[in-house]
C-alpha atoms as a PDB file:
ATOM      1  CA  UNK A   1      46.994  38.785 -72.660  1.00  0.00           C
ATOM      2  CA  UNK A   2      44.241  36.297 -72.480  1.00  0.00           C
ATOM      3  CA  UNK A   3      40.803  38.394 -71.636  1.00  0.00           C
ATOM      4  CA  UNK A   4      37.300  35.882 -70.225  1.00  0.00           C
ATOM      5  CA  UNK A   5      34.714  37.754 -71.887  1.00  0.00           C
ATOM      6  CA  UNK A   6      31.793  38.132 -69.115  1.00  0.00           C
ATOM      7  CA  UNK A   7      29.149  37.262 -71.711  1.00  0.00           C
ATOM      8  CA  UNK A   8      27.624  33.551 -71.533  1.00  0.00           C
ATOM      9  CA  UNK A   9      28.870  31.482 -74.292  1.00  0.00           C
ATOM     10  CA  UNK A  10      25.087  30.237 -75.335  1.00  0.00           C
ATOM     11  CA  UNK A  11      23.994  27.310 -76.693  1.00  0.00           C
ATOM     12  CA  UNK A  12      23.090  28.741 -80.565  1.00  0.00           C
ATOM     13  CA  UNK A  13      27.446  30.595 -80.258  1.00  0.00           C
ATOM     14  CA  UNK A  14      28.775  26.831 -80.078  1.00  0.00           C
ATOM     15  CA  UNK A  15      26.609  24.926 -82.193  1.00  0.00           C
ATOM     16  CA  UNK A  16      27.612  27.975 -85.040  1.00  0.00           C
ATOM     17  CA  UNK A  17      30.979  27.038 -84.875  1.00  0.00           C
ATOM     18  CA  UNK A  18      31.652  24.277 -87.991  1.00  0.00           C
ATOM     19  CA  UNK A  19      33.510  22.168 -85.702  1.00  0.00           C
ATOM     20  CA  UNK A  20      30.763  21.109 -83.933  1.00  0.00           C
ATOM     21  CA  UNK A  21      27.880  21.678 -86.514  1.00  0.00           C
ATOM     22  CA  UNK A  22      26.055  17.677 -86.974  1.00  0.00           C
ATOM     23  CA  UNK A  23      26.915  16.931 -83.571  1.00  0.00           C
ATOM     24  CA  UNK A  24      23.503  15.511 -81.460  1.00  0.00           C
ATOM     25  CA  UNK A  25      22.339  18.171 -79.969  1.00  0.00           C
ATOM     26  CA  UNK A  26      22.609  16.442 -76.688  1.00  0.00           C
ATOM     27  CA  UNK A  27      26.335  16.510 -77.595  1.00  0.00           C
ATOM     28  CA  UNK A  28      26.119  20.380 -77.919  1.00  0.00           C
ATOM     29  CA  UNK A  29      24.302  21.187 -74.649  1.00  0.00           C
ATOM     30  CA  UNK A  30      27.039  19.354 -72.948  1.00  0.00           C
ATOM     31  CA  UNK A  31      29.809  21.408 -74.827  1.00  0.00           C
ATOM     32  CA  UNK A  32      27.964  25.251 -73.680  1.00  0.00           C
ATOM     33  CA  UNK A  33      28.070  24.325 -70.300  1.00  0.00           C
ATOM     34  CA  UNK A  34      31.468  23.295 -70.043  1.00  0.00           C
ATOM     35  CA  UNK A  35      32.397  26.880 -72.703  1.00  0.00           C
ATOM     36  CA  UNK A  36      33.859  30.233 -71.799  1.00  0.00           C
ATOM     37  CA  UNK A  37      34.216  32.765 -74.037  1.00  0.00           C
ATOM     38  CA  UNK A  38      38.030  34.417 -74.762  1.00  0.00           C
ATOM     39  CA  UNK A  39      39.602  36.641 -76.518  1.00  0.00           C
ATOM     40  CA  UNK A  40      43.397  37.103 -77.605  1.00  0.00           C
ATOM     41  CA  UNK A  41      45.366  40.718 -78.900  1.00  0.00           C
ATOM     42  CA  UNK A  42      47.406  40.139 -82.247  1.00  0.00           C
ATOM     43  CA  UNK A  43      51.103  39.049 -80.450  1.00  0.00           C
ATOM     44  CA  UNK A  44      49.558  37.111 -77.562  1.00  0.00           C
ATOM     45  CA  UNK A  45      51.321  33.793 -77.311  1.00  0.00           C
ATOM     46  CA  UNK A  46      47.665  31.414 -76.513  1.00  0.00           C
ATOM     47  CA  UNK A  47      50.280  28.374 -75.877  1.00  0.00           C
ATOM     48  CA  UNK A  48      53.792  27.249 -75.954  1.00  0.00           C
ATOM     49  CA  UNK A  49      55.606  24.156 -76.985  1.00  0.00           C
ATOM     50  CA  UNK A  50      56.281  21.627 -73.923  1.00  0.00           C
ATOM     51  CA  UNK A  51      53.510  23.657 -71.346  1.00  0.00           C
ATOM     52  CA  UNK A  52      50.193  21.900 -70.175  1.00  0.00           C
ATOM     53  CA  UNK A  53      47.952  21.753 -72.700  1.00  0.00           C
ATOM     54  CA  UNK A  54      44.914  22.159 -71.212  1.00  0.00           C
ATOM     55  CA  UNK A  55      42.870  24.213 -72.985  1.00  0.00           C
ATOM     56  CA  UNK A  56      40.807  23.423 -76.384  1.00  0.00           C
ATOM     57  CA  UNK A  57      39.985  26.250 -78.017  1.00  0.00           C
ATOM     58  CA  UNK A  58      37.221  26.948 -80.842  1.00  0.00           C
ATOM     59  CA  UNK A  59      38.142  29.669 -82.804  1.00  0.00           C
ATOM     60  CA  UNK A  60      35.083  32.071 -84.220  1.00  0.00           C
ATOM     61  CA  UNK A  61      37.247  35.594 -85.411  1.00  0.00           C
ATOM     62  CA  UNK A  62      40.779  35.952 -86.307  1.00  0.00           C
ATOM     63  CA  UNK A  63      43.981  34.260 -87.351  1.00  0.00           C
ATOM     64  CA  UNK A  64      46.075  31.883 -85.609  1.00  0.00           C
ATOM     65  CA  UNK A  65      49.635  30.875 -86.501  1.00  0.00           C
ATOM     66  CA  UNK A  66      51.143  27.122 -85.244  1.00  0.00           C
ATOM     67  CA  UNK A  67      54.500  27.589 -85.059  1.00  0.00           C
ATOM     68  CA  UNK A  68      57.803  25.164 -84.447  1.00  0.00           C
ATOM     69  CA  UNK A  69      60.891  26.274 -83.763  1.00  0.00           C
ATOM     70  CA  UNK A  70      63.348  24.441 -86.066  1.00  0.00           C
ATOM     71  CA  UNK A  71      67.257  23.420 -85.378  1.00  0.00           C
ATOM     72  CA  UNK A  72      68.330  27.638 -84.970  1.00  0.00           C
ATOM     73  CA  UNK A  73      65.953  28.395 -82.322  1.00  0.00           C
ATOM     74  CA  UNK A  74      63.344  29.970 -85.118  1.00  0.00           C
ATOM     75  CA  UNK A  75      59.988  29.555 -85.657  1.00  0.00           C
ATOM     76  CA  UNK A  76      58.222  28.573 -88.762  1.00  0.00           C
ATOM     77  CA  UNK A  77      54.919  29.525 -88.698  1.00  0.00           C
ATOM     78  CA  UNK A  78      53.027  25.746 -90.622  1.00  0.00           C
ATOM     79  CA  UNK A  79      49.613  26.312 -90.690  1.00  0.00           C
ATOM     80  CA  UNK A  80      47.498  29.066 -89.665  1.00  0.00           C
ATOM     81  CA  UNK A  81      44.384  28.429 -88.773  1.00  0.00           C
ATOM     82  CA  UNK A  82      41.836  31.011 -89.134  1.00  0.00           C
ATOM     83  CA  UNK A  83      38.118  31.573 -88.230  1.00  0.00           C
ATOM     84  CA  UNK A  84      35.932  28.312 -88.412  1.00  0.00           C
ATOM     85  CA  UNK A  85      39.185  26.014 -86.639  1.00  0.00           C
ATOM     86  CA  UNK A  86      39.549  24.583 -83.483  1.00  0.00           C
ATOM     87  CA  UNK A  87      43.019  24.513 -81.632  1.00  0.00           C
ATOM     88  CA  UNK A  88      44.356  22.506 -80.163  1.00  0.00           C
ATOM     89  CA  UNK A  89      44.924  18.030 -79.408  1.00  0.00           C
ATOM     90  CA  UNK A  90      47.806  17.925 -77.710  1.00  0.00           C
ATOM     91  CA  UNK A  91      45.298  17.859 -74.259  1.00  0.00           C
ATOM     92  CA  UNK A  92      44.120  14.107 -75.511  1.00  0.00           C
ATOM     93  CA  UNK A  93      47.536  12.631 -74.814  1.00  0.00           C
ATOM     94  CA  UNK A  94      50.289  11.565 -71.957  1.00  0.00           C
ATOM     95  CA  UNK A  95      52.079  13.803 -71.475  1.00  0.00           C
ATOM     96  CA  UNK A  96      49.527  16.336 -72.187  1.00  0.00           C
ATOM     97  CA  UNK A  97      52.037  18.902 -73.677  1.00  0.00           C
ATOM     98  CA  UNK A  98      51.491  21.133 -76.196  1.00  0.00           C
ATOM     99  CA  UNK A  99      53.560  20.235 -79.547  1.00  0.00           C
ATOM    100  CA  UNK A 100      53.581  23.652 -81.268  1.00  0.00           C
ATOM    101  CA  UNK A 101      53.355  27.311 -80.064  1.00  0.00           C
ATOM    102  CA  UNK A 102      50.262  29.216 -80.827  1.00  0.00           C
ATOM    103  CA  UNK A 103      50.156  32.798 -81.035  1.00  0.00           C
ATOM    104  CA  UNK A 104      47.163  35.737 -82.498  1.00  0.00           C
ATOM    105  CA  UNK A 105      48.279  37.067 -85.445  1.00  0.00           C
ATOM    106  CA  UNK A 106      44.842  39.526 -85.232  1.00  0.00           C
ATOM    107  CA  UNK A 107      42.292  39.896 -82.305  1.00  0.00           C
ATOM    108  CA  UNK A 108      41.059  36.739 -81.841  1.00  0.00           C
ATOM    109  CA  UNK A 109      37.187  36.212 -80.484  1.00  0.00           C
ATOM    110  CA  UNK A 110      36.718  31.708 -79.225  1.00  0.00           C
ATOM    111  CA  UNK A 111      35.294  29.619 -77.427  1.00  0.00           C
ATOM    112  CA  UNK A 112      37.883  27.587 -74.763  1.00  0.00           C
ATOM    113  CA  UNK A 113      37.014  24.028 -72.609  1.00  0.00           C
ATOM    114  CA  UNK A 114      39.093  23.582 -70.247  1.00  0.00           C
ATOM    115  CA  UNK A 115      40.736  19.695 -71.549  1.00  0.00           C
ATOM    116  CA  UNK A 116      39.336  18.245 -67.690  1.00  0.00           C
ATOM    117  CA  UNK A 117      36.132  18.260 -67.762  1.00  0.00           C
ATOM    118  CA  UNK A 118      36.139  17.431 -71.037  1.00  0.00           C
ATOM    119  CA  UNK A 119      37.572  14.467 -70.690  1.00  0.00           C
ATOM    120  CA  UNK A 120      35.214  13.945 -67.484  1.00  0.00           C
ATOM    121  CA  UNK A 121      32.538  14.125 -69.702  1.00  0.00           C
ATOM    122  CA  UNK A 122      33.440  12.060 -71.728  1.00  0.00           C
ATOM    123  CA  UNK A 123      34.056   9.274 -69.715  1.00  0.00           C
ATOM    124  CA  UNK A 124      30.828  10.303 -68.199  1.00  0.00           C
ATOM    125  CA  UNK A 125      29.075  10.104 -71.684  1.00  0.00           C
ATOM    126  CA  UNK A 126      31.049   7.800 -73.785  1.00  0.00           C
ATOM    127  CA  UNK A 127      29.408   7.496 -77.128  1.00  0.00           C
ATOM    128  CA  UNK A 128      29.575  11.953 -77.008  1.00  0.00           C
ATOM    129  CA  UNK A 129      33.324  11.587 -76.235  1.00  0.00           C
ATOM    130  CA  UNK A 130      33.150   9.362 -79.230  1.00  0.00           C
ATOM    131  CA  UNK A 131      31.397  12.073 -81.644  1.00  0.00           C
ATOM    132  CA  UNK A 132      33.710  14.740 -80.914  1.00  0.00           C
ATOM    133  CA  UNK A 133      36.710  12.474 -80.440  1.00  0.00           C
ATOM    134  CA  UNK A 134      36.230  11.526 -84.027  1.00  0.00           C
ATOM    135  CA  UNK A 135      36.322  15.369 -84.985  1.00  0.00           C
ATOM    136  CA  UNK A 136      39.768  15.847 -83.296  1.00  0.00           C
ATOM    137  CA  UNK A 137      41.540  12.824 -84.991  1.00  0.00           C
ATOM    138  CA  UNK A 138      40.537  14.818 -87.874  1.00  0.00           C
ATOM    139  CA  UNK A 139      41.591  17.755 -86.713  1.00  0.00           C
ATOM    140  CA  UNK A 140      44.750  16.093 -86.357  1.00  0.00           C
ATOM    141  CA  UNK A 141      44.821  15.082 -89.688  1.00  0.00           C
ATOM    142  CA  UNK A 142      44.450  18.365 -91.194  1.00  0.00           C
ATOM    143  CA  UNK A 143      48.068  19.544 -88.742  1.00  0.00           C
ATOM    144  CA  UNK A 144      50.222  16.371 -89.921  1.00  0.00           C
ATOM    145  CA  UNK A 145      49.117  17.146 -93.510  1.00  0.00           C
ATOM    146  CA  UNK A 146      50.238  20.548 -92.956  1.00  0.00           C
ATOM    147  CA  UNK A 147      53.212  19.636 -91.400  1.00  0.00           C
ATOM    148  CA  UNK A 148      54.254  17.000 -93.708  1.00  0.00           C
ATOM    149  CA  UNK A 149      53.735  19.701 -96.544  1.00  0.00           C
ATOM    150  CA  UNK A 150      55.854  22.336 -94.651  1.00  0.00           C
ATOM    151  CA  UNK A 151      58.570  19.490 -93.860  1.00  0.00           C
ATOM    152  CA  UNK A 152      58.661  18.927 -97.936  1.00  0.00           C
ATOM    153  CA  UNK A 153      58.975  22.707 -98.897  1.00  0.00           C
ATOM    154  CA  UNK A 154      62.066  23.277 -96.604  1.00  0.00           C
ATOM    155  CA  UNK A 155      62.969  19.961 -97.860  1.00  0.00           C
ATOM    156  CA  UNK A 156      63.061  21.302-101.777  1.00  0.00           C
ATOM    157  CA  UNK A 157      61.050  18.620-102.738  1.00  0.00           C
END
């Protein structure tokens, strides 16, 4: 079950996350204005394949398994994300649906961003959008490499 933390997310919380470190001060402030603290219990499904991708998460604590169903319908863990990871990039591209299922393996504390608000920020502040989307592109490349490693392992290669 998703729990929204009533404590506000400070600029320091956002700035301390590895995904954000090194961004311009104005970029961090813009992100902080959109940030919401969210918690998940162990076993919670954060999102599922095919659902609308409406959030982007910065994991502060905990473990999240990214899973993909195989032909038999069983889910295979593609990657396990830990503290300091960013979660979710499917919101960037049509049809804006999740490509993986994310499951909390431990209690997870995260910072969540509404992706509609993020896209609006990027349109209003293209330089901010460019810098943040560059980091999301790195995230995507990392996930694709992890998926490739899984495919090679499963094929016995």
